[in-house]
């Protein structure tokens, strides 16, 4: 690992340790972040993309584009995950911090698929409903943050996942 990557990794881990919740954190906080994190899961993000066609101002074509954006960005995430091979914080139990508070979907941490999915759906819906852009982006950012809070991703994983969705949005939503 290059010195620059090693420094970024060390800072990412340090920030993770300051943000992550533990099993002894307030139950209401754990429940809030756990509920929110599921918005970026496969079931919720696919369902939101499809169901968005029923919302006022969203055409069926726009709902399909949102679904396409979700699929395209997720494909990129899965390729990068396997190329990078960064282990999740759970691989460093006892060294990096507490056990995760939600089910760990796979062994790869970088980038975050949940953060990418939430951002892809938010950007897709925001393109159809510009007046809701700010609330949609706030929810997407919070979903990403939840992945760190719950101990399954480092902050850098979340930022890159969200960036992938934003970059993928340009050609899909043009």
N, C-alpha and C. Protein backbone atom coordinates (compact mmCIF):
# COMPACT_ATOMS: atom_id res chain seq x y z
N UNK A 1 0.85 -1.17 0.00
CA UNK A 1 0.00 0.00 0.00
C UNK A 1 0.90 1.24 0.00
N UNK A 2 0.56 2.21 -0.84
CA UNK A 2 1.35 3.43 -0.92
C UNK A 2 1.22 4.23 0.38
N UNK A 3 2.19 5.10 0.65
CA UNK A 3 2.11 5.91 1.88
C UNK A 3 0.84 6.78 1.93
N UNK A 4 0.41 7.29 0.79
CA UNK A 4 -0.80 8.11 0.76
C UNK A 4 -2.02 7.27 1.13
N UNK A 5 -2.14 6.10 0.52
CA UNK A 5 -3.27 5.22 0.83
C UNK A 5 -3.23 4.75 2.28
N UNK A 6 -2.04 4.51 2.80
CA UNK A 6 -1.90 4.09 4.20
C UNK A 6 -2.37 5.19 5.13
N UNK A 7 -2.03 6.45 4.82
CA UNK A 7 -2.48 7.58 5.66
C UNK A 7 -3.99 7.76 5.57
N UNK A 8 -4.54 7.64 4.35
CA UNK A 8 -6.00 7.75 4.19
C UNK A 8 -6.72 6.64 4.95
N UNK A 9 -6.18 5.43 4.86
CA UNK A 9 -6.77 4.29 5.56
C UNK A 9 -6.74 4.52 7.07
N UNK A 10 -5.63 5.00 7.60
CA UNK A 10 -5.51 5.25 9.04
C UNK A 10 -6.50 6.32 9.50
N UNK A 11 -6.67 7.36 8.72
CA UNK A 11 -7.63 8.42 9.08
C UNK A 11 -9.06 7.92 8.98
N UNK A 12 -9.32 7.09 7.97
CA UNK A 12 -10.65 6.52 7.80
C UNK A 12 -11.01 5.64 9.01
N UNK A 13 -10.06 4.84 9.45
CA UNK A 13 -10.28 3.97 10.61
C UNK A 13 -10.47 4.79 11.89
N UNK A 14 -9.69 5.84 12.04
CA UNK A 14 -9.80 6.69 13.24
C UNK A 14 -11.17 7.38 13.29
N UNK A 15 -11.62 7.87 12.15
CA UNK A 15 -12.93 8.51 12.11
C UNK A 15 -14.03 7.49 12.38
N UNK A 16 -13.89 6.31 11.83
CA UNK A 16 -14.84 5.23 12.09
C UNK A 16 -14.98 4.99 13.59
N UNK A 17 -13.86 4.90 14.29
CA UNK A 17 -13.89 4.62 15.73
C UNK A 17 -14.59 5.72 16.52
N UNK A 18 -14.52 6.95 16.03
CA UNK A 18 -15.19 8.05 16.73
C UNK A 18 -16.69 8.05 16.48
N UNK A 19 -17.14 7.47 15.37
CA UNK A 19 -18.55 7.55 14.98
C UNK A 19 -19.38 6.31 15.31
N UNK A 20 -18.76 5.15 15.31
CA UNK A 20 -19.50 3.88 15.42
C UNK A 20 -20.23 3.75 16.76
N UNK A 21 -21.45 3.23 16.67
CA UNK A 21 -22.23 2.93 17.87
C UNK A 21 -21.81 1.57 18.42
N UNK A 22 -22.12 1.34 19.67
CA UNK A 22 -21.83 0.04 20.28
C UNK A 22 -23.13 -0.57 20.77
N UNK A 23 -23.06 -1.81 21.19
CA UNK A 23 -24.24 -2.50 21.72
C UNK A 23 -24.76 -1.82 22.98
N UNK A 24 -23.92 -1.01 23.62
CA UNK A 24 -24.35 -0.31 24.83
C UNK A 24 -24.87 1.11 24.53
N UNK A 25 -24.84 1.52 23.27
CA UNK A 25 -25.40 2.82 22.89
C UNK A 25 -26.91 2.79 23.14
N UNK A 26 -27.50 3.95 23.28
CA UNK A 26 -28.94 4.03 23.56
C UNK A 26 -29.73 3.22 22.54
N UNK A 27 -30.68 2.46 23.03
CA UNK A 27 -31.48 1.59 22.17
C UNK A 27 -32.22 2.39 21.09
N UNK A 28 -32.72 3.57 21.44
CA UNK A 28 -33.44 4.40 20.46
C UNK A 28 -32.52 4.83 19.32
N UNK A 29 -31.27 5.15 19.64
CA UNK A 29 -30.30 5.53 18.60
C UNK A 29 -30.01 4.34 17.69
N UNK A 30 -29.81 3.18 18.27
CA UNK A 30 -29.53 1.99 17.48
C UNK A 30 -30.72 1.66 16.59
N UNK A 31 -31.92 1.77 17.11
CA UNK A 31 -33.13 1.47 16.34
C UNK A 31 -33.30 2.47 15.19
N UNK A 32 -33.07 3.76 15.46
CA UNK A 32 -33.19 4.78 14.42
C UNK A 32 -32.25 4.49 13.25
N UNK A 33 -30.96 4.29 13.55
CA UNK A 33 -29.97 4.07 12.49
C UNK A 33 -30.20 2.74 11.77
N UNK A 34 -30.65 1.73 12.50
CA UNK A 34 -30.93 0.43 11.88
C UNK A 34 -32.10 0.52 10.92
N UNK A 35 -33.15 1.22 11.33
CA UNK A 35 -34.31 1.40 10.45
C UNK A 35 -33.91 2.19 9.21
N UNK A 36 -33.17 3.26 9.40
CA UNK A 36 -32.76 4.11 8.28
C UNK A 36 -31.86 3.37 7.30
N UNK A 37 -30.98 2.52 7.79
CA UNK A 37 -30.03 1.84 6.90
C UNK A 37 -30.74 0.94 5.90
N UNK A 38 -31.92 0.43 6.27
CA UNK A 38 -32.65 -0.46 5.36
C UNK A 38 -33.20 0.27 4.13
N UNK A 39 -33.29 1.58 4.16
CA UNK A 39 -33.72 2.35 2.99
C UNK A 39 -32.73 2.14 1.83
N UNK A 40 -31.47 1.89 2.15
CA UNK A 40 -30.46 1.66 1.12
C UNK A 40 -30.30 0.20 0.74
N UNK A 41 -31.08 -0.66 1.34
CA UNK A 41 -31.02 -2.09 1.02
C UNK A 41 -31.67 -2.38 -0.33
N UNK A 42 -31.43 -3.56 -0.84
CA UNK A 42 -31.93 -3.93 -2.17
C UNK A 42 -33.46 -3.86 -2.26
N UNK A 43 -34.15 -4.46 -1.30
CA UNK A 43 -35.62 -4.48 -1.36
C UNK A 43 -36.20 -3.07 -1.39
N UNK A 44 -35.76 -2.24 -0.45
CA UNK A 44 -36.32 -0.89 -0.35
C UNK A 44 -35.97 -0.03 -1.55
N UNK A 45 -34.72 -0.08 -1.99
CA UNK A 45 -34.31 0.80 -3.10
C UNK A 45 -34.98 0.39 -4.41
N UNK A 46 -35.12 -0.91 -4.65
CA UNK A 46 -35.81 -1.36 -5.87
C UNK A 46 -37.29 -1.01 -5.78
N UNK A 47 -37.90 -1.27 -4.62
CA UNK A 47 -39.32 -0.95 -4.44
C UNK A 47 -39.58 0.54 -4.59
N UNK A 48 -38.73 1.38 -4.02
CA UNK A 48 -38.91 2.83 -4.16
C UNK A 48 -38.77 3.28 -5.61
N UNK A 49 -37.83 2.69 -6.32
CA UNK A 49 -37.64 3.05 -7.73
C UNK A 49 -38.88 2.70 -8.55
N UNK A 50 -39.42 1.52 -8.33
CA UNK A 50 -40.60 1.08 -9.09
C UNK A 50 -41.84 1.86 -8.65
N UNK A 51 -42.04 1.98 -7.35
CA UNK A 51 -43.23 2.66 -6.82
C UNK A 51 -43.24 4.15 -7.13
N UNK A 52 -42.09 4.72 -7.44
CA UNK A 52 -42.03 6.15 -7.72
C UNK A 52 -42.90 6.52 -8.92
N UNK A 53 -43.19 5.57 -9.80
CA UNK A 53 -44.04 5.85 -10.97
C UNK A 53 -45.44 6.27 -10.56
N UNK A 54 -45.85 5.94 -9.34
CA UNK A 54 -47.18 6.31 -8.84
C UNK A 54 -47.19 7.71 -8.22
N UNK A 55 -46.03 8.32 -8.06
CA UNK A 55 -45.96 9.64 -7.45
C UNK A 55 -46.31 10.73 -8.46
N UNK A 56 -46.93 11.82 -7.98
CA UNK A 56 -47.25 12.92 -8.90
C UNK A 56 -45.97 13.53 -9.48
N UNK A 57 -45.96 13.73 -10.76
CA UNK A 57 -44.81 14.34 -11.43
C UNK A 57 -43.76 13.35 -11.89
N UNK A 58 -43.91 12.07 -11.55
CA UNK A 58 -42.92 11.06 -11.95
C UNK A 58 -43.54 10.20 -13.04
N UNK A 59 -42.93 10.20 -14.20
CA UNK A 59 -43.43 9.37 -15.29
C UNK A 59 -42.88 7.96 -15.14
N UNK A 60 -43.51 7.04 -15.84
CA UNK A 60 -43.03 5.65 -15.83
C UNK A 60 -41.60 5.61 -16.40
N UNK A 61 -41.34 6.42 -17.42
CA UNK A 61 -40.00 6.46 -18.00
C UNK A 61 -38.96 6.92 -16.97
N UNK A 62 -39.33 7.90 -16.14
CA UNK A 62 -38.40 8.40 -15.13
C UNK A 62 -38.17 7.34 -14.04
N UNK A 63 -39.21 6.61 -13.70
CA UNK A 63 -39.07 5.53 -12.71
C UNK A 63 -38.13 4.45 -13.26
N UNK A 64 -38.26 4.14 -14.55
CA UNK A 64 -37.38 3.15 -15.18
C UNK A 64 -35.94 3.65 -15.22
N UNK A 65 -35.77 4.95 -15.47
CA UNK A 65 -34.41 5.51 -15.47
C UNK A 65 -33.79 5.44 -14.07
N UNK A 66 -34.60 5.67 -13.06
CA UNK A 66 -34.11 5.56 -11.69
C UNK A 66 -33.69 4.13 -11.40
N UNK A 67 -34.50 3.19 -11.85
CA UNK A 67 -34.17 1.77 -11.67
C UNK A 67 -32.90 1.41 -12.45
N UNK A 68 -32.76 1.94 -13.65
CA UNK A 68 -31.55 1.72 -14.45
C UNK A 68 -30.33 2.31 -13.75
N UNK A 69 -30.47 3.51 -13.21
CA UNK A 69 -29.38 4.15 -12.47
C UNK A 69 -28.98 3.29 -11.27
N UNK A 70 -29.98 2.80 -10.56
CA UNK A 70 -29.72 1.93 -9.41
C UNK A 70 -28.94 0.69 -9.84
N UNK A 71 -29.37 0.05 -10.90
CA UNK A 71 -28.69 -1.16 -11.38
C UNK A 71 -27.29 -0.90 -11.90
N UNK A 72 -27.14 0.17 -12.67
CA UNK A 72 -25.82 0.49 -13.23
C UNK A 72 -24.81 0.84 -12.13
N UNK A 73 -25.24 1.68 -11.20
CA UNK A 73 -24.32 2.08 -10.14
C UNK A 73 -23.99 0.88 -9.23
N UNK A 74 -24.96 0.02 -9.00
CA UNK A 74 -24.71 -1.16 -8.17
C UNK A 74 -23.72 -2.12 -8.86
N UNK A 75 -23.83 -2.24 -10.17
CA UNK A 75 -22.88 -3.09 -10.90
C UNK A 75 -21.45 -2.56 -10.73
N UNK A 76 -21.30 -1.25 -10.83
CA UNK A 76 -19.97 -0.65 -10.64
C UNK A 76 -19.47 -0.91 -9.22
N UNK A 77 -20.34 -0.74 -8.23
CA UNK A 77 -19.96 -0.99 -6.84
C UNK A 77 -19.46 -2.43 -6.66
N UNK A 78 -20.18 -3.39 -7.23
CA UNK A 78 -19.79 -4.78 -7.06
C UNK A 78 -18.45 -5.09 -7.72
N UNK A 79 -18.19 -4.48 -8.86
CA UNK A 79 -16.90 -4.68 -9.54
C UNK A 79 -15.77 -4.07 -8.70
N UNK A 80 -15.98 -2.84 -8.24
CA UNK A 80 -14.95 -2.16 -7.44
C UNK A 80 -14.71 -2.91 -6.13
N UNK A 81 -15.78 -3.40 -5.49
CA UNK A 81 -15.63 -4.17 -4.24
C UNK A 81 -14.66 -5.33 -4.44
N UNK A 82 -14.83 -6.05 -5.52
CA UNK A 82 -14.00 -7.23 -5.74
C UNK A 82 -12.58 -6.87 -6.17
N UNK A 83 -12.44 -5.77 -6.89
CA UNK A 83 -11.10 -5.33 -7.28
C UNK A 83 -10.32 -4.78 -6.09
N UNK A 84 -10.99 -3.98 -5.26
CA UNK A 84 -10.31 -3.36 -4.11
C UNK A 84 -10.08 -4.37 -3.00
N UNK A 85 -11.09 -5.18 -2.71
CA UNK A 85 -10.97 -6.21 -1.69
C UNK A 85 -10.74 -5.69 -0.27
N UNK A 86 -11.15 -4.47 0.01
CA UNK A 86 -10.96 -3.93 1.36
C UNK A 86 -11.86 -4.66 2.35
N UNK A 87 -11.29 -5.22 3.41
CA UNK A 87 -12.12 -5.92 4.40
C UNK A 87 -12.97 -4.93 5.20
N UNK A 88 -14.10 -5.41 5.65
CA UNK A 88 -14.99 -4.60 6.48
C UNK A 88 -14.36 -4.39 7.86
N UNK A 89 -14.88 -3.40 8.59
CA UNK A 89 -14.38 -3.19 9.96
C UNK A 89 -14.52 -4.44 10.83
N UNK A 90 -15.46 -5.31 10.51
CA UNK A 90 -15.65 -6.54 11.29
C UNK A 90 -14.46 -7.47 11.20
N UNK A 91 -13.65 -7.33 10.16
CA UNK A 91 -12.47 -8.18 10.02
C UNK A 91 -11.41 -7.84 11.07
N UNK A 92 -11.54 -6.66 11.66
CA UNK A 92 -10.55 -6.18 12.62
C UNK A 92 -11.11 -6.18 14.04
N UNK A 93 -12.11 -7.00 14.31
CA UNK A 93 -12.71 -7.05 15.64
C UNK A 93 -11.65 -7.12 16.73
N UNK A 94 -11.84 -6.32 17.73
CA UNK A 94 -10.88 -6.30 18.83
C UNK A 94 -9.77 -5.30 18.59
N UNK A 95 -9.53 -4.96 17.32
CA UNK A 95 -8.50 -3.98 17.00
C UNK A 95 -9.17 -2.65 16.66
N UNK A 96 -10.14 -2.69 15.75
CA UNK A 96 -10.78 -1.46 15.27
C UNK A 96 -12.05 -1.07 16.00
N UNK A 97 -12.63 -1.93 16.76
CA UNK A 97 -13.82 -1.49 17.45
C UNK A 97 -14.84 -2.57 17.67
N UNK A 98 -16.06 -2.13 17.92
CA UNK A 98 -17.13 -3.03 18.34
C UNK A 98 -17.68 -3.88 17.19
N UNK A 99 -18.47 -4.85 17.58
CA UNK A 99 -19.15 -5.69 16.61
C UNK A 99 -20.20 -4.88 15.86
N UNK A 100 -20.52 -5.26 14.62
CA UNK A 100 -21.55 -4.53 13.86
C UNK A 100 -22.92 -4.72 14.51
N UNK A 101 -23.79 -3.76 14.30
CA UNK A 101 -25.13 -3.80 14.88
C UNK A 101 -26.19 -4.27 13.89
N UNK A 102 -25.77 -4.59 12.67
CA UNK A 102 -26.67 -5.14 11.65
C UNK A 102 -25.95 -6.27 10.93
N UNK A 103 -26.71 -7.03 10.16
CA UNK A 103 -26.15 -8.13 9.39
C UNK A 103 -25.14 -7.59 8.37
N UNK A 104 -24.00 -8.23 8.28
CA UNK A 104 -22.96 -7.83 7.33
C UNK A 104 -23.24 -8.57 6.02
N UNK A 105 -23.54 -7.83 4.92
CA UNK A 105 -23.96 -8.49 3.69
C UNK A 105 -22.89 -9.31 2.97
N UNK A 106 -21.64 -8.89 3.05
CA UNK A 106 -20.55 -9.62 2.42
C UNK A 106 -19.25 -9.24 3.10
N UNK A 107 -18.14 -9.73 2.59
CA UNK A 107 -16.85 -9.46 3.25
C UNK A 107 -16.19 -8.17 2.81
N UNK A 108 -16.71 -7.55 1.74
CA UNK A 108 -16.05 -6.38 1.17
C UNK A 108 -16.65 -5.08 1.68
N UNK A 109 -15.78 -4.15 2.03
CA UNK A 109 -16.24 -2.89 2.61
C UNK A 109 -16.29 -1.75 1.59
N UNK A 110 -15.36 -1.72 0.68
CA UNK A 110 -15.18 -0.57 -0.22
C UNK A 110 -15.65 -0.88 -1.63
N UNK A 111 -16.57 -0.08 -2.15
CA UNK A 111 -17.38 1.00 -1.59
C UNK A 111 -18.70 0.48 -1.02
N UNK A 112 -19.45 1.36 -0.39
CA UNK A 112 -20.71 0.98 0.23
C UNK A 112 -21.84 0.89 -0.79
N UNK A 113 -22.42 -0.29 -0.91
CA UNK A 113 -23.55 -0.49 -1.81
C UNK A 113 -24.82 0.18 -1.31
N UNK A 114 -25.06 0.16 0.01
CA UNK A 114 -26.23 0.82 0.57
C UNK A 114 -26.17 2.34 0.31
N UNK A 115 -25.00 2.94 0.54
CA UNK A 115 -24.85 4.37 0.32
C UNK A 115 -25.05 4.71 -1.15
N UNK A 116 -24.52 3.87 -2.03
CA UNK A 116 -24.68 4.07 -3.47
C UNK A 116 -26.15 3.96 -3.88
N UNK A 117 -26.83 2.93 -3.39
CA UNK A 117 -28.23 2.71 -3.75
C UNK A 117 -29.11 3.86 -3.28
N UNK A 118 -28.91 4.29 -2.05
CA UNK A 118 -29.73 5.40 -1.52
C UNK A 118 -29.51 6.67 -2.34
N UNK A 119 -28.26 6.93 -2.70
CA UNK A 119 -27.97 8.14 -3.48
C UNK A 119 -28.52 8.01 -4.90
N UNK A 120 -28.42 6.84 -5.49
CA UNK A 120 -28.95 6.64 -6.84
C UNK A 120 -30.46 6.88 -6.88
N UNK A 121 -31.18 6.33 -5.93
CA UNK A 121 -32.63 6.52 -5.89
C UNK A 121 -32.96 7.99 -5.61
N UNK A 122 -32.23 8.61 -4.69
CA UNK A 122 -32.47 10.02 -4.37
C UNK A 122 -32.26 10.91 -5.58
N UNK A 123 -31.18 10.70 -6.32
CA UNK A 123 -30.88 11.52 -7.49
C UNK A 123 -31.90 11.25 -8.59
N UNK A 124 -32.27 10.00 -8.78
CA UNK A 124 -33.27 9.67 -9.78
C UNK A 124 -34.61 10.32 -9.49
N UNK A 125 -35.04 10.26 -8.24
CA UNK A 125 -36.31 10.89 -7.86
C UNK A 125 -36.20 12.41 -7.89
N UNK A 126 -35.07 12.95 -7.50
CA UNK A 126 -34.87 14.40 -7.52
C UNK A 126 -34.94 14.95 -8.95
N UNK A 127 -34.48 14.17 -9.92
CA UNK A 127 -34.56 14.61 -11.32
C UNK A 127 -36.01 14.74 -11.76
N UNK A 128 -36.89 13.91 -11.20
CA UNK A 128 -38.31 13.96 -11.55
C UNK A 128 -39.07 14.97 -10.69
N UNK A 129 -38.60 15.17 -9.46
CA UNK A 129 -39.28 16.07 -8.52
C UNK A 129 -38.27 17.04 -7.92
N UNK A 130 -37.84 18.04 -8.67
CA UNK A 130 -36.78 18.94 -8.21
C UNK A 130 -37.07 19.62 -6.87
N UNK A 131 -38.33 19.85 -6.54
CA UNK A 131 -38.65 20.51 -5.28
C UNK A 131 -38.30 19.64 -4.06
N UNK A 132 -38.12 18.35 -4.27
CA UNK A 132 -37.77 17.44 -3.17
C UNK A 132 -36.29 17.08 -3.14
N UNK A 133 -35.48 17.76 -3.94
CA UNK A 133 -34.06 17.42 -4.04
C UNK A 133 -33.37 17.44 -2.68
N UNK A 134 -33.52 18.52 -1.92
CA UNK A 134 -32.81 18.63 -0.65
C UNK A 134 -33.22 17.52 0.34
N UNK A 135 -34.51 17.29 0.59
CA UNK A 135 -34.86 16.21 1.51
C UNK A 135 -34.38 14.83 1.03
N UNK A 136 -34.46 14.58 -0.28
CA UNK A 136 -34.01 13.30 -0.81
C UNK A 136 -32.51 13.10 -0.60
N UNK A 137 -31.74 14.15 -0.85
CA UNK A 137 -30.29 14.05 -0.67
C UNK A 137 -29.93 13.90 0.81
N UNK A 138 -30.66 14.57 1.69
CA UNK A 138 -30.39 14.44 3.12
C UNK A 138 -30.63 13.00 3.57
N UNK A 139 -31.73 12.40 3.12
CA UNK A 139 -32.01 11.00 3.48
C UNK A 139 -30.90 10.10 2.94
N UNK A 140 -30.49 10.32 1.70
CA UNK A 140 -29.42 9.49 1.11
C UNK A 140 -28.12 9.62 1.90
N UNK A 141 -27.78 10.84 2.29
CA UNK A 141 -26.56 11.04 3.08
C UNK A 141 -26.66 10.36 4.44
N UNK A 142 -27.84 10.43 5.05
CA UNK A 142 -28.03 9.78 6.34
C UNK A 142 -27.98 8.25 6.24
N UNK A 143 -28.49 7.71 5.15
CA UNK A 143 -28.39 6.25 4.95
C UNK A 143 -26.91 5.86 4.90
N UNK A 144 -26.12 6.61 4.16
CA UNK A 144 -24.68 6.34 4.11
C UNK A 144 -24.04 6.43 5.48
N UNK A 145 -24.38 7.48 6.22
CA UNK A 145 -23.85 7.68 7.56
C UNK A 145 -24.24 6.52 8.47
N UNK A 146 -25.44 5.98 8.27
CA UNK A 146 -25.90 4.87 9.11
C UNK A 146 -24.99 3.65 8.98
N UNK A 147 -24.41 3.46 7.81
CA UNK A 147 -23.54 2.30 7.60
C UNK A 147 -22.29 2.38 8.47
N UNK A 148 -21.81 3.61 8.70
CA UNK A 148 -20.66 3.81 9.59
C UNK A 148 -21.12 3.66 11.04
N UNK A 149 -22.22 4.30 11.38
CA UNK A 149 -22.74 4.26 12.74
C UNK A 149 -22.98 2.82 13.21
N UNK A 150 -23.41 1.97 12.29
CA UNK A 150 -23.74 0.59 12.64
C UNK A 150 -22.55 -0.37 12.54
N UNK A 151 -21.40 0.17 12.15
CA UNK A 151 -20.17 -0.61 12.19
C UNK A 151 -19.88 -1.51 11.01
N UNK A 152 -20.50 -1.26 9.85
CA UNK A 152 -20.26 -2.14 8.71
C UNK A 152 -19.45 -1.49 7.58
N UNK A 153 -19.20 -0.18 7.68
CA UNK A 153 -18.39 0.52 6.67
C UNK A 153 -17.55 1.61 7.31
N UNK A 154 -16.45 1.89 6.67
CA UNK A 154 -15.65 3.06 7.02
C UNK A 154 -16.23 4.28 6.29
N UNK A 155 -15.99 5.49 6.79
CA UNK A 155 -16.53 6.69 6.13
C UNK A 155 -16.13 6.82 4.66
N UNK A 156 -14.91 6.47 4.32
CA UNK A 156 -14.46 6.55 2.93
C UNK A 156 -15.23 5.63 2.01
N UNK A 157 -15.65 4.47 2.52
CA UNK A 157 -16.46 3.54 1.74
C UNK A 157 -17.77 4.19 1.33
N UNK A 158 -18.36 4.90 2.29
CA UNK A 158 -19.65 5.57 2.07
C UNK A 158 -19.50 6.68 1.05
N UNK A 159 -18.47 7.51 1.20
CA UNK A 159 -18.27 8.63 0.27
C UNK A 159 -18.07 8.14 -1.16
N UNK A 160 -17.30 7.10 -1.33
CA UNK A 160 -17.05 6.58 -2.68
C UNK A 160 -18.31 5.93 -3.24
N UNK A 161 -19.08 5.23 -2.43
CA UNK A 161 -20.34 4.66 -2.88
C UNK A 161 -21.29 5.74 -3.38
N UNK A 162 -21.39 6.83 -2.62
CA UNK A 162 -22.25 7.94 -3.02
C UNK A 162 -21.73 8.61 -4.29
N UNK A 163 -20.43 8.74 -4.40
CA UNK A 163 -19.83 9.34 -5.59
C UNK A 163 -20.10 8.50 -6.84
N UNK A 164 -20.06 7.20 -6.71
CA UNK A 164 -20.35 6.32 -7.85
C UNK A 164 -21.76 6.57 -8.35
N UNK A 165 -22.72 6.70 -7.44
CA UNK A 165 -24.11 6.96 -7.84
C UNK A 165 -24.21 8.31 -8.56
N UNK A 166 -23.52 9.31 -8.05
CA UNK A 166 -23.59 10.64 -8.67
C UNK A 166 -22.95 10.64 -10.06
N UNK A 167 -21.84 9.96 -10.21
CA UNK A 167 -21.19 9.89 -11.52
C UNK A 167 -22.04 9.09 -12.50
N UNK A 168 -22.61 8.00 -12.04
CA UNK A 168 -23.47 7.17 -12.90
C UNK A 168 -24.74 7.90 -13.31
N UNK A 169 -25.19 8.84 -12.48
CA UNK A 169 -26.43 9.57 -12.76
C UNK A 169 -26.32 10.42 -14.02
N UNK A 170 -25.15 10.95 -14.28
CA UNK A 170 -25.00 11.86 -15.41
C UNK A 170 -25.41 11.23 -16.75
N UNK A 171 -24.82 10.10 -17.15
CA UNK A 171 -25.23 9.54 -18.44
C UNK A 171 -26.64 8.93 -18.43
N UNK A 172 -27.06 8.42 -17.28
CA UNK A 172 -28.37 7.75 -17.22
C UNK A 172 -29.51 8.75 -17.26
N UNK A 173 -29.36 9.87 -16.56
CA UNK A 173 -30.46 10.82 -16.44
C UNK A 173 -30.44 11.97 -17.44
N UNK A 174 -29.42 12.04 -18.28
CA UNK A 174 -29.32 13.12 -19.28
C UNK A 174 -30.47 13.11 -20.23
